[in-house]
Amino acid sequence: NVGKKSKKGKSKIFFIKNLLLTKKIVKMMHATQKKNNFIIGKVIATFSLNLIQMCIKKSQIRSSSHDNSSHAGILAKFEPLTQVIVNCIKSKENAIITGSIKILNSVATWPLSSLKQNYQKIVASVLKVLEGLSLTDYDMIRACFKLIANISNIPAVLQLSNQQVKILLQFIEQFMFISDNITEVLDCLSVFFFVKLFL
């Protein structure tokens, strides 16, 4: 038991330290962008997003344990990063867009106030991303539809406008049968209609 507690404690410290490091790196990213140092900015942004994703995977937080007070510190550290990650969806670089969407998929159900305030913005940004995708952008298509499904599945948080519903259904029709290996599109459709009909 002592060994397990020690391991969890080290994992949390690792998580928090890397989040603080990531925040500094993100600030550096903005500084480099202002200096028009595009290549360095892209590398730093991609590295930061990968680091955050690694931290999430190494953390002990799971959907069933969000109410655990021991995770309050980790969640508090993650709050300031949420808006930065949401803004990354608007990047013109696929690696940055994909990284931010994957992170949001991992934390979609975390009890973060900054996340709840951005659900509408996230979905609007993802729909915009889908506009520019080709039928061969498999990874991005998976990530986008998975995120919309994850957010739609959270009770009473997402209210799409009629126009957004129309656009979403058009994208579902467009990407539904592009590959047998992509199930996220149909999963999104199932979640969407379940929520509309029963919740």
Protein backbone atom coordinates (compact mmCIF):
# COMPACT_ATOMS: atom_id res chain seq x y z
CA ASN A 1 0.00 0.00 0.00
CA VAL A 2 2.82 2.38 0.90
CA GLY A 3 4.48 1.60 -2.43
CA LYS A 4 1.28 2.28 -4.37
CA LYS A 5 0.69 5.59 -2.56
CA SER A 6 4.27 6.61 -3.26
CA LYS A 7 3.89 5.74 -6.93
CA LYS A 8 0.63 7.72 -7.22
CA GLY A 9 2.21 10.66 -5.39
CA LYS A 10 5.16 10.70 -7.79
CA SER A 11 2.76 10.48 -10.74
CA LYS A 12 0.80 13.52 -9.52
CA ILE A 13 3.99 15.51 -8.92
CA PHE A 14 5.20 14.55 -12.40
CA PHE A 15 1.87 15.62 -13.88
CA ILE A 16 1.79 19.00 -12.12
CA LYS A 17 5.43 19.81 -12.88
CA ASN A 18 4.96 19.05 -16.55
CA LEU A 19 1.77 21.11 -16.73
CA LEU A 20 3.67 24.08 -15.31
CA LEU A 21 6.45 23.48 -17.83
CA THR A 22 3.89 23.24 -20.63
CA LYS A 23 2.30 26.54 -19.61
CA LYS A 24 5.69 28.23 -19.88
CA ILE A 25 6.30 26.61 -23.25
CA VAL A 26 2.90 27.77 -24.55
CA LYS A 27 3.78 31.34 -23.51
CA MET A 28 7.05 30.94 -25.40
CA MET A 29 5.04 29.78 -28.41
CA HIS A 30 3.03 33.01 -28.43
CA ALA A 31 6.25 35.04 -28.14
CA THR A 32 7.81 33.26 -31.11
CA GLN A 33 4.68 33.74 -33.19
CA LYS A 34 4.86 37.48 -32.57
CA LYS A 35 8.41 37.41 -33.94
CA ASN A 36 7.16 35.58 -37.04
CA ASN A 37 9.36 32.62 -36.17
CA PHE A 38 6.82 30.22 -37.59
CA ILE A 39 8.84 27.01 -37.67
CA ILE A 40 9.99 27.25 -34.05
CA GLY A 41 6.47 28.21 -32.96
CA LYS A 42 5.03 25.16 -34.69
CA VAL A 43 7.58 22.81 -33.12
CA ILE A 44 7.01 24.25 -29.65
CA ALA A 45 3.22 24.08 -29.99
CA THR A 46 3.30 20.47 -31.18
CA PHE A 47 5.73 19.48 -28.44
CA SER A 48 3.57 21.18 -25.80
CA LEU A 49 0.42 19.41 -26.92
CA ASN A 50 2.21 16.05 -26.99
CA LEU A 51 3.56 16.73 -23.50
CA ILE A 52 0.09 17.52 -22.17
CA GLN A 53 -1.28 14.33 -23.73
CA MET A 54 1.52 12.33 -22.12
CA CYS A 55 0.78 13.93 -18.74
CA ILE A 56 -2.90 13.00 -19.04
CA LYS A 57 -2.02 9.39 -19.82
CA LYS A 58 0.38 9.19 -16.87
CA SER A 59 -2.08 10.76 -14.44
CA GLN A 60 -4.33 8.64 -12.24
CA ILE A 61 -7.47 10.57 -13.22
CA ARG A 62 -10.23 8.53 -14.76
CA SER A 63 -13.91 9.19 -15.43
CA SER A 64 -14.91 7.25 -12.32
CA SER A 65 -12.61 9.19 -10.02
CA HIS A 66 -13.23 12.86 -10.87
CA ASP A 67 -14.80 13.54 -7.50
CA ASN A 68 -11.72 12.37 -5.64
CA SER A 69 -10.42 15.37 -3.69
CA SER A 70 -6.85 14.17 -4.22
CA HIS A 71 -7.16 15.18 -7.86
CA ALA A 72 -8.22 18.74 -7.10
CA GLY A 73 -4.64 20.00 -7.46
CA ILE A 74 -4.20 18.45 -10.90
CA LEU A 75 -7.53 19.84 -12.13
CA ALA A 76 -6.70 23.30 -10.79
CA LYS A 77 -3.39 23.26 -12.66
CA PHE A 78 -5.11 22.19 -15.85
CA GLU A 79 -7.78 24.93 -15.78
CA PRO A 80 -5.59 27.75 -17.23
CA LEU A 81 -4.47 25.53 -20.11
CA THR A 82 -7.99 24.75 -21.30
CA GLN A 83 -8.56 28.01 -23.17
CA VAL A 84 -5.15 27.75 -24.85
CA ILE A 85 -5.93 24.22 -26.03
CA VAL A 86 -9.37 25.27 -27.31
CA ASN A 87 -7.77 28.13 -29.25
CA CYS A 88 -5.32 25.69 -30.85
CA ILE A 89 -8.22 24.14 -32.78
CA LYS A 90 -8.20 27.29 -34.93
CA SER A 91 -4.59 26.73 -35.98
CA LYS A 92 -3.77 26.21 -39.64
CA GLU A 93 -1.40 23.35 -38.79
CA ASN A 94 -2.90 19.85 -38.81
CA ALA A 95 -0.52 18.56 -36.14
CA ILE A 96 -1.60 21.31 -33.73
CA ILE A 97 -5.31 20.89 -34.52
CA THR A 98 -5.15 17.12 -34.12
CA GLY A 99 -3.16 17.37 -30.88
CA SER A 100 -5.60 19.81 -29.31
CA ILE A 101 -8.64 17.77 -30.33
CA LYS A 102 -7.10 14.56 -28.94
CA ILE A 103 -6.44 16.30 -25.62
CA LEU A 104 -10.01 17.60 -25.47
CA ASN A 105 -11.27 14.09 -26.19
CA SER A 106 -9.30 12.86 -23.18
CA VAL A 107 -10.60 15.55 -20.82
CA ALA A 108 -14.11 16.13 -22.24
CA THR A 109 -15.80 14.83 -19.08
CA TRP A 110 -13.40 16.34 -16.55
CA PRO A 111 -15.09 18.78 -14.13
CA LEU A 112 -13.34 21.88 -15.48
CA SER A 113 -15.30 25.13 -15.40
CA SER A 114 -13.19 26.56 -18.23
CA LEU A 115 -14.08 23.52 -20.33
CA LYS A 116 -17.81 23.77 -19.64
CA GLN A 117 -17.77 27.41 -20.71
CA ASN A 118 -16.23 26.45 -24.05
CA TYR A 119 -18.33 23.47 -25.20
CA GLN A 120 -20.23 25.57 -27.77
CA LYS A 121 -17.03 27.15 -29.04
CA ILE A 122 -15.32 23.76 -29.29
CA VAL A 123 -18.09 22.23 -31.40
CA ALA A 124 -18.25 25.31 -33.65
CA SER A 125 -14.47 25.11 -34.17
CA VAL A 126 -14.59 21.38 -34.89
CA LEU A 127 -17.34 21.88 -37.48
CA LYS A 128 -15.08 24.48 -39.10
CA VAL A 129 -12.22 21.97 -39.15
CA LEU A 130 -14.44 19.37 -40.82
CA GLU A 131 -15.13 21.84 -43.63
CA GLY A 132 -11.52 21.70 -44.75
CA LEU A 133 -10.95 17.95 -44.51
CA SER A 134 -10.60 15.58 -47.44
CA LEU A 135 -11.93 12.03 -47.49
CA THR A 136 -8.43 10.72 -46.69
CA ASP A 137 -7.83 12.73 -43.50
CA TYR A 138 -8.72 9.68 -41.42
CA ASP A 139 -7.08 10.62 -38.12
CA MET A 140 -8.60 14.08 -38.09
CA ILE A 141 -12.04 12.78 -39.08
CA ARG A 142 -11.94 10.24 -36.24
CA ALA A 143 -10.85 12.83 -33.69
CA CYS A 144 -13.44 15.42 -34.74
CA PHE A 145 -16.46 13.14 -34.66
CA LYS A 146 -15.31 11.50 -31.45
CA LEU A 147 -15.08 14.90 -29.76
CA ILE A 148 -18.54 15.97 -30.93
CA ALA A 149 -19.95 12.66 -29.68
CA ASN A 150 -18.18 12.98 -26.32
CA ILE A 151 -19.53 16.48 -25.76
CA SER A 152 -23.03 15.61 -27.02
CA ASN A 153 -23.12 12.72 -24.55
CA ILE A 154 -22.71 15.05 -21.56
CA PRO A 155 -26.22 15.83 -20.23
CA ALA A 156 -27.58 19.34 -20.78
CA VAL A 157 -24.38 21.02 -21.90
CA LEU A 158 -24.72 21.32 -25.67
CA GLN A 159 -27.40 23.17 -27.57
CA LEU A 160 -26.73 23.21 -31.31
CA SER A 161 -28.46 25.77 -33.51
CA ASN A 162 -30.60 24.51 -36.39
CA GLN A 163 -27.85 25.57 -38.78
CA GLN A 164 -25.21 23.65 -36.81
CA VAL A 165 -27.41 20.54 -36.76
CA LYS A 166 -27.83 20.81 -40.52
CA ILE A 167 -24.07 21.19 -41.03
CA LEU A 168 -23.28 18.28 -38.71
CA LEU A 169 -25.69 15.96 -40.53
CA GLN A 170 -24.16 16.99 -43.86
CA PHE A 171 -20.69 16.08 -42.59
CA ILE A 172 -21.95 12.77 -41.20
CA GLU A 173 -23.39 11.93 -44.62
CA GLN A 174 -20.17 13.03 -46.32
CA PHE A 175 -17.79 10.98 -44.15
CA MET A 176 -20.00 8.06 -43.11
CA PHE A 177 -18.73 5.40 -45.50
CA ILE A 178 -15.21 6.51 -46.37
CA SER A 179 -13.63 3.54 -44.57
CA ASP A 180 -14.74 0.42 -42.70
CA ASN A 181 -12.16 1.28 -40.04
CA ILE A 182 -13.76 4.60 -39.14
CA THR A 183 -16.67 4.01 -36.76
CA GLU A 184 -16.60 7.41 -35.05
CA VAL A 185 -18.91 8.99 -37.63
CA LEU A 186 -21.72 6.50 -37.00
CA ASP A 187 -21.03 6.62 -33.26
CA CYS A 188 -21.51 10.38 -33.38
CA LEU A 189 -24.76 9.99 -35.29
CA SER A 190 -26.05 7.45 -32.76
CA VAL A 191 -25.17 9.65 -29.78
CA PHE A 192 -26.65 12.73 -31.42
CA PHE A 193 -30.01 11.12 -32.13
CA PHE A 194 -30.13 9.43 -28.73
CA VAL A 195 -29.59 12.77 -27.03
CA LYS A 196 -32.16 14.50 -29.26
CA LEU A 197 -34.81 11.82 -28.76
CA PHE A 198 -34.41 10.76 -25.14
CA LEU A 199 -32.67 13.52 -23.18
